[in-house]
Amino acid sequence: MTGPQKRVLLVDDEEDLTWTLSKKLSKDSDKFELITVNSGREAIEVLNQVPVDLVITDVRMPEVSGLDLLVKIKETYPQTKVIIMTAYGSSDVHKAATERGCFHYIEKPFEINEIRQIILDALKEEKGFRGSVADFQLSDIIQLNCLGRLTTALLVKRQNETGTIYFQEGNIVHAETDHLEGEEAFYYIMSWDGGEFSVLRNKFPPRESIHKSWQNLLLESLRLKDEQSHLVKEEQEREKRKRHRRLQQLLDKVFKSDGVEHIFIHTHAGFPIFYLGRFSGDVDKISELGDKLGEVIAGVEQAAGKIFGKELLFWEGIFRKYIYLFISLPDEDAYLSIIGTPRMNTGFVRLEIKKQLREITRLIAGHPI
């Protein structure tokens, strides 16, 4: 049994932007309900009336800024996640958002697919530390201990690992894990992506192994984490290019066969995953083609469902100037669409795709190559 539908609130004083995002993201209405408003005050009114899982807000807005809204949400609706977006990207804005417990930060301009993926990830995200303060990150809890000048210990657990950070009158004086201690242990704990914490009141450190200020420790931990994140992103980009090249190899024989004009792997809603064809390099045309194919597939599936009552796995349509066939990739929200002229040998195309379908699906699903 599925739970209640997630609700996303989009806040930006640019009406054109909220209208465009509302139109484009409406394709995901089965995954979340989108509400758009054009001021921070309107956002607060919505939050006072209905529960919201995720807020996406611009920074620079009149009267109530995005950062003001973030503080209000953290105080009143701590379970609500927040994404800050701004056309004025700067380290100061990023720092201010992070200091206030921001869930994510994105700079304009951004691709529709990028913001869509961030929303989907945020709605299912299980990372982040669970504890007495809902949805706060570990750095938030550390700052609360330091600013409150507390003498305490923070016990952090993830999977089979345990770490402890000791505070004395608001200073971080010791940290230890199963195999590390001191600054090295602190940075290691701060690198964890998720887990659980508990506060041990009036717990004194066994010794002092850290002498840096807590501000410097946090900044250095963020720098190290960013550095690691950058390396991870580089590896992800390399993996993405590797998968793209492999998909191109698998589909090259079909693409080069007579009459084939477009080979397109996309989601049910038409969001592009992989493309080969004469629109290569033109993001707008590929996106427009995806929109149209998404509408065609939805219409065909609806008609077929009324007649046969079963999920449609394959469909072929012959038109005056074009032939279009699509194949649903097993267990994935993805379709392989092939469009060609009447010269296209559909028998050959189906046979070649059938040979490669399992590996194509594995590549789309992100399994090891």
Protein backbone atom coordinates (compact mmCIF):
# COMPACT_ATOMS: atom_id res chain seq x y z
CA MET A 1 0.00 0.00 0.00
CA THR A 2 1.48 3.34 -1.05
CA GLY A 3 1.62 6.32 1.29
CA PRO A 4 0.15 9.78 0.70
CA GLN A 5 1.46 11.65 -2.32
CA LYS A 6 4.43 13.93 -1.68
CA ARG A 7 3.88 17.68 -1.92
CA VAL A 8 6.44 20.15 -3.32
CA LEU A 9 6.19 23.94 -2.92
CA LEU A 10 8.01 26.10 -5.51
CA VAL A 11 8.66 29.74 -4.51
CA ASP A 12 10.04 32.37 -6.92
CA ASP A 13 9.01 35.95 -7.70
CA GLU A 14 9.65 35.30 -11.42
CA GLU A 15 6.21 34.24 -12.68
CA ASP A 16 7.61 33.04 -16.01
CA LEU A 17 9.94 30.64 -14.20
CA THR A 18 7.28 29.18 -11.90
CA TRP A 19 4.91 28.80 -14.88
CA THR A 20 7.54 27.01 -16.98
CA LEU A 21 8.62 24.70 -14.15
CA SER A 22 5.00 23.98 -13.27
CA LYS A 23 4.26 23.00 -16.89
CA LYS A 24 7.39 20.86 -17.32
CA LEU A 25 7.16 19.15 -13.95
CA SER A 26 3.46 18.38 -14.35
CA LYS A 27 4.56 15.20 -16.12
CA ASP A 28 5.55 13.89 -12.70
CA SER A 29 2.13 14.48 -11.15
CA ASP A 30 1.99 10.77 -10.32
CA LYS A 31 5.10 11.19 -8.16
CA PHE A 32 4.42 14.50 -6.41
CA GLU A 33 1.94 17.39 -6.24
CA LEU A 34 3.51 20.72 -7.22
CA ILE A 35 2.29 24.04 -5.76
CA THR A 36 3.76 27.31 -7.07
CA VAL A 37 3.70 30.75 -5.41
CA ASN A 38 5.47 34.02 -6.19
CA SER A 39 6.45 35.36 -2.75
CA GLY A 40 7.76 34.22 0.62
CA ARG A 41 4.58 35.39 2.34
CA GLU A 42 2.42 33.25 0.04
CA ALA A 43 4.71 30.31 0.79
CA ILE A 44 4.21 30.74 4.55
CA GLU A 45 0.42 30.84 4.01
CA VAL A 46 0.57 27.55 2.10
CA LEU A 47 2.79 25.95 4.76
CA ASN A 48 0.30 27.03 7.44
CA GLN A 49 -2.53 25.30 5.57
CA VAL A 50 -1.15 22.01 4.22
CA PRO A 51 1.81 19.72 4.97
CA VAL A 52 4.70 20.15 2.51
CA ASP A 53 7.53 17.64 2.06
CA LEU A 54 9.91 19.85 0.06
CA VAL A 55 10.25 23.60 -0.54
CA ILE A 56 12.25 24.98 -3.49
CA THR A 57 12.81 28.69 -3.01
CA ASP A 58 14.69 31.52 -4.67
CA VAL A 59 17.02 33.57 -2.45
CA ARG A 60 16.35 37.16 -3.57
CA MET A 61 12.68 37.96 -3.15
CA PRO A 62 10.98 41.11 -1.80
CA GLU A 63 9.77 41.25 1.82
CA VAL A 64 10.51 37.63 2.81
CA SER A 65 13.77 36.33 1.31
CA GLY A 66 14.50 32.70 0.62
CA LEU A 67 16.88 32.52 3.59
CA ASP A 68 14.23 34.08 5.86
CA LEU A 69 11.81 31.44 4.61
CA LEU A 70 14.37 28.73 5.31
CA VAL A 71 14.76 29.86 8.93
CA LYS A 72 10.96 29.96 9.34
CA ILE A 73 10.62 26.45 7.93
CA LYS A 74 13.37 25.05 10.18
CA GLU A 75 11.73 26.63 13.24
CA THR A 76 8.12 25.74 12.49
CA TYR A 77 8.20 22.80 10.05
CA PRO A 78 11.48 20.96 10.79
CA GLN A 79 10.43 17.87 8.79
CA THR A 80 10.17 19.92 5.57
CA LYS A 81 13.24 19.75 3.34
CA VAL A 82 14.52 22.84 1.52
CA ILE A 83 16.29 23.50 -1.77
CA ILE A 84 17.71 27.00 -2.26
CA MET A 85 18.00 28.27 -5.84
CA THR A 86 19.52 31.55 -6.94
CA ALA A 87 20.87 33.38 -9.96
CA TYR A 88 23.33 35.13 -7.62
CA GLY A 89 25.61 32.22 -6.83
CA SER A 90 28.32 33.16 -4.37
CA SER A 91 30.24 31.57 -1.54
CA ASP A 92 28.49 33.96 0.88
CA VAL A 93 25.02 32.81 -0.17
CA HIS A 94 26.10 29.18 -0.10
CA LYS A 95 27.59 29.63 3.35
CA ALA A 96 24.49 31.42 4.65
CA ALA A 97 22.22 28.69 3.32
CA THR A 98 24.39 25.95 4.79
CA GLU A 99 24.56 27.69 8.18
CA ARG A 100 20.78 27.73 8.31
CA GLY A 101 20.47 24.00 7.64
CA CYS A 102 19.71 24.12 3.93
CA PHE A 103 19.03 20.75 2.37
CA HIS A 104 20.40 21.60 -1.07
CA TYR A 105 21.67 24.56 -3.07
CA ILE A 106 21.37 25.02 -6.86
CA GLU A 107 22.43 27.91 -9.10
CA LYS A 108 20.39 29.31 -11.98
CA PRO A 109 20.25 28.71 -14.85
CA PHE A 110 19.67 24.99 -14.53
CA GLU A 111 18.28 22.29 -16.79
CA ILE A 112 14.74 21.07 -16.17
CA ASN A 113 16.08 17.52 -15.91
CA GLU A 114 18.55 18.65 -13.24
CA ILE A 115 15.95 20.23 -10.95
CA ARG A 116 13.59 17.30 -11.60
CA GLN A 117 16.22 14.77 -10.50
CA ILE A 118 17.09 16.83 -7.43
CA ILE A 119 13.40 16.88 -6.43
CA LEU A 120 13.01 13.12 -6.91
CA ASP A 121 16.23 12.45 -4.96
CA ALA A 122 15.17 14.81 -2.16
CA LEU A 123 11.76 13.17 -1.80
CA LYS A 124 13.26 9.71 -1.40
CA GLU A 125 16.52 10.76 0.30
CA GLU A 126 17.29 8.87 3.48
CA LYS A 127 20.65 10.47 4.08
CA GLY A 128 20.98 12.97 6.88
CA PHE A 129 21.20 12.35 10.60
CA ARG A 130 18.21 11.34 12.65
CA GLY A 131 18.05 12.48 16.25
CA SER A 132 16.24 14.72 18.69
CA VAL A 133 16.33 17.61 16.21
CA ALA A 134 14.52 16.47 13.07
CA ASP A 135 16.26 16.75 9.68
CA PHE A 136 19.33 18.59 10.99
CA GLN A 137 22.74 17.70 9.61
CA LEU A 138 25.57 16.65 11.89
CA SER A 139 27.30 20.03 11.39
CA ASP A 140 24.12 21.75 12.69
CA ILE A 141 24.20 19.71 15.90
CA ILE A 142 27.90 20.43 16.38
CA GLN A 143 27.28 24.17 15.99
CA LEU A 144 24.44 24.02 18.53
CA ASN A 145 26.77 22.37 21.04
CA CYS A 146 29.55 24.90 20.40
CA LEU A 147 27.37 28.01 20.40
CA GLY A 148 25.65 26.77 23.56
CA ARG A 149 29.07 26.33 25.23
CA LEU A 150 28.07 22.84 26.33
CA THR A 151 30.18 20.16 27.96
CA THR A 152 28.88 17.00 26.42
CA ALA A 153 29.63 14.21 23.97
CA LEU A 154 28.01 13.39 20.65
CA LEU A 155 27.76 9.68 19.93
CA VAL A 156 27.43 9.03 16.18
CA LYS A 157 26.62 5.63 14.66
CA ARG A 158 26.43 4.38 11.10
CA GLN A 159 26.12 0.73 10.12
CA ASN A 160 28.83 -1.08 12.16
CA GLU A 161 30.88 2.03 13.02
CA THR A 162 30.74 4.30 16.05
CA GLY A 163 32.35 7.69 16.63
CA THR A 164 32.30 10.12 19.54
CA ILE A 165 32.96 13.88 19.52
CA TYR A 166 33.64 15.51 22.91
CA PHE A 167 32.86 19.13 23.76
CA GLN A 168 34.13 21.14 26.73
CA GLU A 169 32.45 24.51 27.28
CA GLY A 170 31.67 24.66 23.57
CA ASN A 171 35.11 23.66 22.30
CA ILE A 172 35.75 20.42 20.43
CA VAL A 173 38.55 18.84 22.45
CA HIS A 174 38.56 15.18 21.45
CA ALA A 175 37.14 12.77 18.88
CA GLU A 176 37.53 9.04 18.49
CA THR A 177 36.34 6.15 16.37
CA ASP A 178 37.13 2.45 16.57
CA HIS A 179 40.55 3.00 14.95
CA LEU A 180 41.22 6.77 14.95
CA GLU A 181 41.38 9.69 17.36
CA GLY A 182 41.92 13.45 17.35
CA GLU A 183 41.42 15.60 14.25
CA GLU A 184 41.70 12.57 11.99
CA ALA A 185 38.78 10.91 13.78
CA PHE A 186 36.72 14.13 13.67
CA TYR A 187 37.18 14.55 9.90
CA TYR A 188 36.38 10.89 9.36
CA ILE A 189 33.11 11.15 11.30
CA MET A 190 32.19 14.32 9.39
CA SER A 191 32.67 12.47 6.10
CA TRP A 192 29.83 10.04 6.90
CA ASP A 193 26.77 10.47 4.69
CA GLY A 194 24.21 9.33 7.21
CA GLY A 195 23.57 7.65 10.52
CA GLU A 196 22.13 8.35 13.95
CA PHE A 197 23.35 10.50 16.81
CA SER A 198 22.67 10.75 20.51
CA VAL A 199 23.80 13.35 23.02
CA LEU A 200 25.57 12.22 26.20
CA ARG A 201 25.05 15.02 28.72
CA ASN A 202 27.94 16.09 30.98
CA LYS A 203 30.23 13.50 29.42
CA PHE A 204 33.87 14.50 29.88
CA PRO A 205 36.62 13.65 27.39
CA PRO A 206 39.16 10.96 28.38
CA ARG A 207 41.90 13.30 27.08
CA GLU A 208 42.41 16.39 24.93
CA SER A 209 43.62 15.59 21.41
CA ILE A 210 42.19 18.57 19.46
CA HIS A 211 43.30 22.19 19.88
CA LYS A 212 41.87 23.94 16.79
CA SER A 213 38.80 26.17 17.04
CA TRP A 214 35.51 24.49 16.19
CA GLN A 215 35.00 26.96 13.31
CA ASN A 216 38.28 25.91 11.69
CA LEU A 217 37.49 22.25 12.24
CA LEU A 218 34.10 22.57 10.55
CA LEU A 219 35.50 24.55 7.63
CA GLU A 220 38.28 22.03 7.11
CA SER A 221 35.82 19.11 7.31
CA LEU A 222 33.62 20.79 4.70
CA ARG A 223 36.65 21.39 2.47
CA LEU A 224 37.70 17.74 2.76
CA LYS A 225 34.16 16.56 2.08
CA ASP A 226 33.85 18.87 -0.94
CA GLU A 227 37.17 17.55 -2.21
CA GLN A 228 35.96 13.98 -1.81
CA SER A 229 32.62 14.89 -3.39
CA HIS A 230 34.46 16.42 -6.35
CA LEU A 231 36.42 13.21 -6.84
CA VAL A 232 33.20 11.21 -6.64
CA LYS A 233 31.54 13.48 -9.20
CA GLU A 234 34.50 13.13 -11.53
CA GLU A 235 34.27 9.35 -11.22
CA GLN A 236 30.51 9.51 -11.86
CA GLU A 237 31.11 11.61 -14.97
CA ARG A 238 33.70 9.14 -16.23
CA GLU A 239 31.26 6.29 -15.59
CA LYS A 240 28.50 8.21 -17.37
CA ARG A 241 30.69 8.78 -20.44
CA LYS A 242 31.72 5.12 -20.38
CA ARG A 243 28.08 4.00 -20.33
CA HIS A 244 27.23 6.47 -23.09
CA ARG A 245 30.02 5.07 -25.29
CA ARG A 246 28.88 1.51 -24.60
CA LEU A 247 25.26 2.35 -25.47
CA GLN A 248 26.48 3.96 -28.68
CA GLN A 249 28.42 0.80 -29.53
CA LEU A 250 25.39 -1.40 -28.86
CA LEU A 251 23.04 0.76 -30.94
CA ASP A 252 25.44 1.84 -33.68
CA LYS A 253 24.56 -1.03 -36.02
CA VAL A 254 20.86 -0.19 -35.84
CA PHE A 255 21.49 3.55 -36.14
CA LYS A 256 23.60 3.11 -39.28
CA SER A 257 21.06 0.84 -40.94
CA ASP A 258 18.98 2.22 -43.81
CA GLY A 259 16.18 4.61 -42.88
CA VAL A 260 16.85 5.01 -39.13
CA GLU A 261 16.80 8.70 -38.08
CA HIS A 262 16.42 8.73 -34.28
CA ILE A 263 17.28 6.31 -31.48
CA PHE A 264 16.06 7.71 -28.18
CA ILE A 265 16.07 6.26 -24.67
CA HIS A 266 13.81 8.26 -22.36
CA THR A 267 11.50 8.02 -19.36
CA HIS A 268 7.77 7.44 -19.62
CA ALA A 269 7.27 11.22 -19.41
CA GLY A 270 9.81 11.81 -22.19
CA PHE A 271 12.84 13.02 -20.20
CA PRO A 272 15.98 12.17 -22.25
CA ILE A 273 18.43 9.50 -21.05
CA PHE A 274 20.35 8.77 -24.27
CA TYR A 275 20.00 10.01 -27.85
CA LEU A 276 21.47 9.25 -31.30
CA GLY A 277 20.20 11.12 -34.34
CA ARG A 278 20.13 14.28 -36.38
CA PHE A 279 19.15 16.37 -33.32
CA SER A 280 22.42 15.50 -31.53
CA GLY A 281 23.77 18.59 -29.79
CA ASP A 282 20.41 20.43 -29.86
CA VAL A 283 19.08 20.04 -26.31
CA ASP A 284 15.83 21.92 -27.01
CA LYS A 285 14.87 19.76 -30.00
CA ILE A 286 15.71 16.56 -28.11
CA SER A 287 13.61 17.74 -25.17
CA GLU A 288 10.72 18.67 -27.50
CA LEU A 289 10.91 15.27 -29.19
CA GLY A 290 10.87 13.62 -25.75
CA ASP A 291 7.74 15.56 -24.79
CA LYS A 292 5.94 14.40 -27.93
CA LEU A 293 7.02 10.77 -27.60
CA GLY A 294 5.91 10.77 -23.95
CA GLU A 295 2.45 11.91 -25.07
CA VAL A 296 2.32 9.26 -27.82
CA ILE A 297 3.30 6.46 -25.44
CA ALA A 298 0.77 7.59 -22.82
CA GLY A 299 -1.99 7.65 -25.46
CA VAL A 300 -1.09 4.25 -26.91
CA GLU A 301 -0.85 2.67 -23.45
CA GLN A 302 -4.20 4.12 -22.43
CA ALA A 303 -5.92 2.79 -25.54
CA ALA A 304 -4.23 -0.61 -25.29
CA GLY A 305 -5.08 -0.87 -21.60
CA LYS A 306 -8.77 -0.42 -22.31
CA ILE A 307 -8.68 -3.18 -24.92
CA PHE A 308 -6.25 -5.70 -23.43
CA GLY A 309 -5.94 -4.60 -19.80
CA LYS A 310 -2.22 -5.35 -19.72
CA GLU A 311 1.03 -3.40 -19.69
CA LEU A 312 2.24 -2.55 -23.21
CA LEU A 313 5.81 -3.81 -23.77
CA PHE A 314 6.23 -3.12 -27.50
CA TRP A 315 4.43 -1.05 -30.12
CA GLU A 316 5.02 -0.27 -33.80
CA GLY A 317 3.25 2.41 -35.81
CA ILE A 318 3.53 2.92 -39.57
CA PHE A 319 2.73 6.40 -40.87
CA ARG A 320 2.86 7.97 -44.31
CA LYS A 321 6.39 9.35 -43.87
CA TYR A 322 7.67 7.62 -40.75
CA ILE A 323 7.80 4.37 -38.83
CA TYR A 324 7.87 4.57 -35.06
CA LEU A 325 8.43 1.74 -32.63
CA PHE A 326 9.04 1.74 -28.90
CA ILE A 327 10.12 -0.95 -26.47
CA SER A 328 9.64 -0.78 -22.70
CA LEU A 329 12.88 -1.58 -20.86
CA PRO A 330 12.19 -4.31 -18.26
CA ASP A 331 11.76 -3.10 -14.65
CA GLU A 332 12.80 0.48 -15.54
CA ASP A 333 10.95 3.77 -16.09
CA ALA A 334 12.57 3.88 -19.53
CA TYR A 335 11.65 3.30 -23.16
CA LEU A 336 13.72 2.76 -26.28
CA SER A 337 12.15 4.69 -29.17
CA ILE A 338 13.29 4.24 -32.78
CA ILE A 339 12.03 6.51 -35.56
CA GLY A 340 12.81 6.05 -39.24
CA THR A 341 11.57 6.46 -42.81
CA PRO A 342 9.57 3.75 -44.64
CA ARG A 343 12.92 2.35 -45.83
CA MET A 344 13.66 1.20 -42.27
CA ASN A 345 13.84 -2.58 -41.97
CA THR A 346 11.80 -3.08 -38.80
CA GLY A 347 12.45 -6.82 -38.72
CA PHE A 348 16.19 -6.23 -38.63
CA VAL A 349 15.79 -3.46 -36.03
CA ARG A 350 13.67 -5.64 -33.72
CA LEU A 351 16.11 -8.55 -34.01
CA GLU A 352 19.17 -6.39 -33.21
CA ILE A 353 17.46 -4.67 -30.29
CA LYS A 354 16.33 -8.01 -28.89
CA LYS A 355 19.98 -9.16 -28.87
CA GLN A 356 21.13 -6.08 -26.93
CA LEU A 357 18.07 -5.37 -24.76
CA ARG A 358 19.37 -6.99 -21.58
CA GLU A 359 22.68 -5.10 -21.65
CA ILE A 360 20.97 -1.82 -22.60
CA THR A 361 18.69 -2.23 -19.59
CA ARG A 362 21.64 -2.98 -17.30
CA LEU A 363 23.42 0.18 -18.48
CA ILE A 364 20.33 2.33 -17.88
CA ALA A 365 19.82 0.78 -14.43
CA GLY A 366 23.41 1.62 -13.46
CA HIS A 367 24.67 -1.94 -12.98
CA PRO A 368 28.43 -2.54 -13.34
CA ILE A 369 29.61 -2.60 -16.94
